[in-house]
Amino acid sequence: MSKDDGGPAFPAPEAAVARFGEGNPDAFLGMSLRDFFAAKCDIKVYAPVDSFYRKHGRHPTINELAAWIAEVRFIEADAMLAAMSA
């Protein structure tokens, strides 16, 4: 699955070239804007245990909860990227 990740969150190609040479400066640009948005998502507003329960009819295991939180974070990040290009 390929998604538009918004490009690098903190681009610094000149610094990458200065530190790592001309080889492939894009490889050193760090996290994507999508990753940054997902990391900044305030998951509390989604009440992850309650929203999981509403979707699945049961309480999540800890591993299911972690996966659910990650999914919700990236749903919000994708919405933010879409809003930027609207």
N, C-alpha and C. Protein backbone atom coordinates (compact mmCIF):
# COMPACT_ATOMS: atom_id res chain seq x y z
N MET A 1 0.85 -1.18 0.00
CA MET A 1 0.00 0.00 0.00
C MET A 1 0.89 1.23 0.00
N SER A 2 0.71 2.07 -0.97
CA SER A 2 1.50 3.28 -1.08
C SER A 2 0.60 4.49 -0.82
N LYS A 3 0.97 5.30 0.13
CA LYS A 3 0.21 6.50 0.47
C LYS A 3 1.11 7.71 0.30
N ASP A 4 0.48 8.83 0.01
CA ASP A 4 1.22 10.08 -0.01
C ASP A 4 1.58 10.40 1.43
N ASP A 5 2.86 10.45 1.72
CA ASP A 5 3.28 10.70 3.10
C ASP A 5 3.54 12.17 3.38
N GLY A 6 3.29 13.03 2.42
CA GLY A 6 3.47 14.47 2.62
C GLY A 6 4.90 14.94 2.49
N GLY A 7 5.81 14.05 2.24
CA GLY A 7 7.22 14.43 2.15
C GLY A 7 7.85 14.53 3.52
N PRO A 8 9.10 14.96 3.59
CA PRO A 8 9.79 15.04 4.87
C PRO A 8 9.20 16.12 5.78
N ALA A 9 9.10 15.80 7.07
CA ALA A 9 8.55 16.76 8.04
C ALA A 9 9.55 17.89 8.32
N PHE A 10 10.81 17.56 8.34
CA PHE A 10 11.84 18.55 8.66
C PHE A 10 12.96 18.46 7.62
N PRO A 11 12.69 18.89 6.40
CA PRO A 11 13.69 18.73 5.35
C PRO A 11 14.94 19.55 5.63
N ALA A 12 16.06 18.92 5.42
CA ALA A 12 17.34 19.60 5.58
C ALA A 12 18.33 18.98 4.61
N PRO A 13 18.03 19.02 3.30
CA PRO A 13 18.92 18.34 2.35
C PRO A 13 20.35 18.87 2.36
N GLU A 14 20.51 20.17 2.61
CA GLU A 14 21.88 20.72 2.62
C GLU A 14 22.69 20.08 3.75
N ALA A 15 22.06 19.92 4.91
CA ALA A 15 22.76 19.30 6.03
C ALA A 15 23.08 17.84 5.74
N ALA A 16 22.15 17.12 5.08
CA ALA A 16 22.39 15.72 4.74
C ALA A 16 23.55 15.60 3.76
N VAL A 17 23.58 16.47 2.77
CA VAL A 17 24.68 16.44 1.80
C VAL A 17 26.00 16.77 2.49
N ALA A 18 25.98 17.78 3.35
CA ALA A 18 27.20 18.17 4.05
C ALA A 18 27.72 17.03 4.92
N ARG A 19 26.81 16.30 5.56
CA ARG A 19 27.24 15.24 6.48
C ARG A 19 27.53 13.93 5.78
N PHE A 20 26.72 13.57 4.76
CA PHE A 20 26.81 12.24 4.15
C PHE A 20 27.28 12.26 2.70
N GLY A 21 27.55 13.43 2.15
CA GLY A 21 28.01 13.51 0.77
C GLY A 21 26.87 13.55 -0.22
N GLU A 22 27.21 13.52 -1.48
CA GLU A 22 26.23 13.66 -2.56
C GLU A 22 25.46 12.37 -2.84
N GLY A 23 25.86 11.25 -2.28
CA GLY A 23 25.29 9.94 -2.61
C GLY A 23 23.78 9.88 -2.73
N ASN A 24 23.08 10.04 -1.63
CA ASN A 24 21.62 9.98 -1.63
C ASN A 24 21.10 10.81 -0.46
N PRO A 25 21.07 12.12 -0.60
CA PRO A 25 20.67 12.97 0.52
C PRO A 25 19.23 12.72 0.97
N ASP A 26 18.34 12.27 0.05
CA ASP A 26 16.96 12.03 0.44
C ASP A 26 16.82 10.92 1.47
N ALA A 27 17.79 10.03 1.55
CA ALA A 27 17.73 8.93 2.50
C ALA A 27 17.92 9.41 3.94
N PHE A 28 18.29 10.65 4.13
CA PHE A 28 18.61 11.15 5.46
C PHE A 28 17.70 12.30 5.89
N LEU A 29 16.52 12.38 5.29
CA LEU A 29 15.64 13.50 5.60
C LEU A 29 14.77 13.25 6.82
N GLY A 30 14.76 12.05 7.36
CA GLY A 30 14.01 11.79 8.58
C GLY A 30 12.57 11.40 8.33
N MET A 31 11.75 11.61 9.36
CA MET A 31 10.35 11.17 9.30
C MET A 31 9.54 11.96 8.30
N SER A 32 8.49 11.30 7.81
CA SER A 32 7.61 11.97 6.87
C SER A 32 6.63 12.88 7.62
N LEU A 33 5.99 13.75 6.88
CA LEU A 33 4.98 14.62 7.46
C LEU A 33 3.82 13.77 8.00
N ARG A 34 3.48 12.68 7.29
CA ARG A 34 2.42 11.78 7.75
C ARG A 34 2.78 11.18 9.12
N ASP A 35 4.02 10.72 9.26
CA ASP A 35 4.47 10.17 10.54
C ASP A 35 4.41 11.23 11.64
N PHE A 36 4.81 12.45 11.31
CA PHE A 36 4.79 13.53 12.29
C PHE A 36 3.36 13.82 12.74
N PHE A 37 2.43 13.91 11.78
CA PHE A 37 1.02 14.15 12.14
C PHE A 37 0.49 13.01 13.01
N ALA A 38 0.82 11.77 12.67
CA ALA A 38 0.35 10.62 13.45
C ALA A 38 0.90 10.67 14.88
N ALA A 39 2.15 11.07 15.01
CA ALA A 39 2.76 11.15 16.34
C ALA A 39 2.12 12.23 17.19
N LYS A 40 1.64 13.29 16.56
CA LYS A 40 1.05 14.41 17.29
C LYS A 40 -0.45 14.23 17.56
N CYS A 41 -1.04 13.17 17.06
CA CYS A 41 -2.48 12.93 17.23
C CYS A 41 -2.82 12.80 18.72
N ASP A 42 -3.82 13.56 19.17
CA ASP A 42 -4.28 13.46 20.56
C ASP A 42 -5.29 12.32 20.64
N ILE A 43 -4.80 11.14 20.91
CA ILE A 43 -5.61 9.92 20.86
C ILE A 43 -6.75 9.93 21.89
N LYS A 44 -6.60 10.71 22.95
CA LYS A 44 -7.65 10.74 24.00
C LYS A 44 -9.00 11.14 23.45
N VAL A 45 -9.04 12.03 22.46
CA VAL A 45 -10.32 12.50 21.94
C VAL A 45 -11.09 11.37 21.25
N TYR A 46 -10.40 10.31 20.88
CA TYR A 46 -11.05 9.19 20.20
C TYR A 46 -11.46 8.07 21.17
N ALA A 47 -11.14 8.22 22.45
CA ALA A 47 -11.47 7.22 23.46
C ALA A 47 -11.24 5.82 22.88
N PRO A 48 -9.99 5.41 22.70
CA PRO A 48 -9.69 4.20 21.95
C PRO A 48 -10.34 2.91 22.48
N VAL A 49 -10.42 2.75 23.78
CA VAL A 49 -11.05 1.53 24.31
C VAL A 49 -12.53 1.53 23.96
N ASP A 50 -13.18 2.68 24.16
CA ASP A 50 -14.62 2.76 23.86
C ASP A 50 -14.89 2.62 22.37
N SER A 51 -14.08 3.25 21.53
CA SER A 51 -14.33 3.16 20.09
C SER A 51 -14.05 1.75 19.58
N PHE A 52 -13.05 1.07 20.13
CA PHE A 52 -12.80 -0.32 19.77
C PHE A 52 -14.00 -1.17 20.17
N TYR A 53 -14.52 -0.93 21.37
CA TYR A 53 -15.67 -1.69 21.86
C TYR A 53 -16.89 -1.48 20.94
N ARG A 54 -17.12 -0.24 20.54
CA ARG A 54 -18.25 0.03 19.65
C ARG A 54 -18.09 -0.67 18.31
N LYS A 55 -16.88 -0.76 17.81
CA LYS A 55 -16.65 -1.39 16.50
C LYS A 55 -16.70 -2.92 16.59
N HIS A 56 -16.15 -3.48 17.67
CA HIS A 56 -15.98 -4.94 17.75
C HIS A 56 -16.89 -5.62 18.77
N GLY A 57 -17.55 -4.85 19.62
CA GLY A 57 -18.46 -5.44 20.60
C GLY A 57 -17.77 -6.12 21.77
N ARG A 58 -16.53 -5.83 21.98
CA ARG A 58 -15.77 -6.40 23.11
C ARG A 58 -14.60 -5.50 23.43
N HIS A 59 -14.03 -5.71 24.59
CA HIS A 59 -12.85 -4.93 24.99
C HIS A 59 -11.62 -5.50 24.30
N PRO A 60 -10.65 -4.63 23.96
CA PRO A 60 -9.46 -5.10 23.25
C PRO A 60 -8.43 -5.71 24.19
N THR A 61 -7.60 -6.59 23.64
CA THR A 61 -6.40 -7.01 24.35
C THR A 61 -5.41 -5.85 24.24
N ILE A 62 -4.34 -5.93 24.98
CA ILE A 62 -3.35 -4.84 24.93
C ILE A 62 -2.75 -4.71 23.53
N ASN A 63 -2.49 -5.84 22.87
CA ASN A 63 -1.93 -5.79 21.51
C ASN A 63 -2.95 -5.22 20.52
N GLU A 64 -4.21 -5.60 20.67
CA GLU A 64 -5.26 -5.04 19.80
C GLU A 64 -5.40 -3.54 20.03
N LEU A 65 -5.31 -3.13 21.29
CA LEU A 65 -5.43 -1.70 21.61
C LEU A 65 -4.29 -0.90 20.99
N ALA A 66 -3.08 -1.43 21.07
CA ALA A 66 -1.93 -0.74 20.47
C ALA A 66 -2.11 -0.62 18.96
N ALA A 67 -2.55 -1.68 18.30
CA ALA A 67 -2.78 -1.65 16.86
C ALA A 67 -3.91 -0.69 16.51
N TRP A 68 -4.97 -0.66 17.31
CA TRP A 68 -6.10 0.24 17.09
C TRP A 68 -5.66 1.69 17.21
N ILE A 69 -4.88 1.99 18.23
CA ILE A 69 -4.39 3.37 18.43
C ILE A 69 -3.53 3.79 17.23
N ALA A 70 -2.66 2.91 16.76
CA ALA A 70 -1.83 3.23 15.59
C ALA A 70 -2.71 3.48 14.37
N GLU A 71 -3.73 2.66 14.19
CA GLU A 71 -4.64 2.83 13.04
C GLU A 71 -5.35 4.18 13.12
N VAL A 72 -5.86 4.53 14.29
CA VAL A 72 -6.57 5.79 14.47
C VAL A 72 -5.63 6.98 14.22
N ARG A 73 -4.40 6.88 14.72
CA ARG A 73 -3.44 7.97 14.52
C ARG A 73 -3.20 8.22 13.02
N PHE A 74 -3.04 7.15 12.25
CA PHE A 74 -2.78 7.32 10.82
C PHE A 74 -4.03 7.73 10.05
N ILE A 75 -5.21 7.37 10.53
CA ILE A 75 -6.45 7.87 9.92
C ILE A 75 -6.48 9.40 10.06
N GLU A 76 -6.16 9.89 11.25
CA GLU A 76 -6.14 11.34 11.46
C GLU A 76 -5.04 11.99 10.61
N ALA A 77 -3.88 11.38 10.57
CA ALA A 77 -2.77 11.95 9.77
C ALA A 77 -3.17 12.04 8.30
N ASP A 78 -3.81 10.99 7.77
CA ASP A 78 -4.24 11.01 6.37
C ASP A 78 -5.28 12.11 6.14
N ALA A 79 -6.17 12.31 7.11
CA ALA A 79 -7.17 13.38 7.00
C ALA A 79 -6.49 14.75 6.99
N MET A 80 -5.46 14.92 7.78
CA MET A 80 -4.73 16.18 7.81
C MET A 80 -4.03 16.44 6.48
N LEU A 81 -3.41 15.41 5.92
CA LEU A 81 -2.76 15.56 4.60
C LEU A 81 -3.80 15.90 3.53
N ALA A 82 -4.96 15.25 3.58
CA ALA A 82 -6.02 15.53 2.61
C ALA A 82 -6.51 16.97 2.74
N ALA A 83 -6.64 17.43 3.98
CA ALA A 83 -7.09 18.81 4.21
C ALA A 83 -6.08 19.82 3.67
N MET A 84 -4.81 19.48 3.75
CA MET A 84 -3.77 20.38 3.24
C MET A 84 -3.85 20.54 1.73
N SER A 85 -4.26 19.48 1.03
CA SER A 85 -4.29 19.53 -0.42
C SER A 85 -5.66 19.90 -0.97
N ALA A 86 -6.61 20.16 -0.08
CA ALA A 86 -7.96 20.52 -0.53
C ALA A 86 -8.04 21.98 -0.89
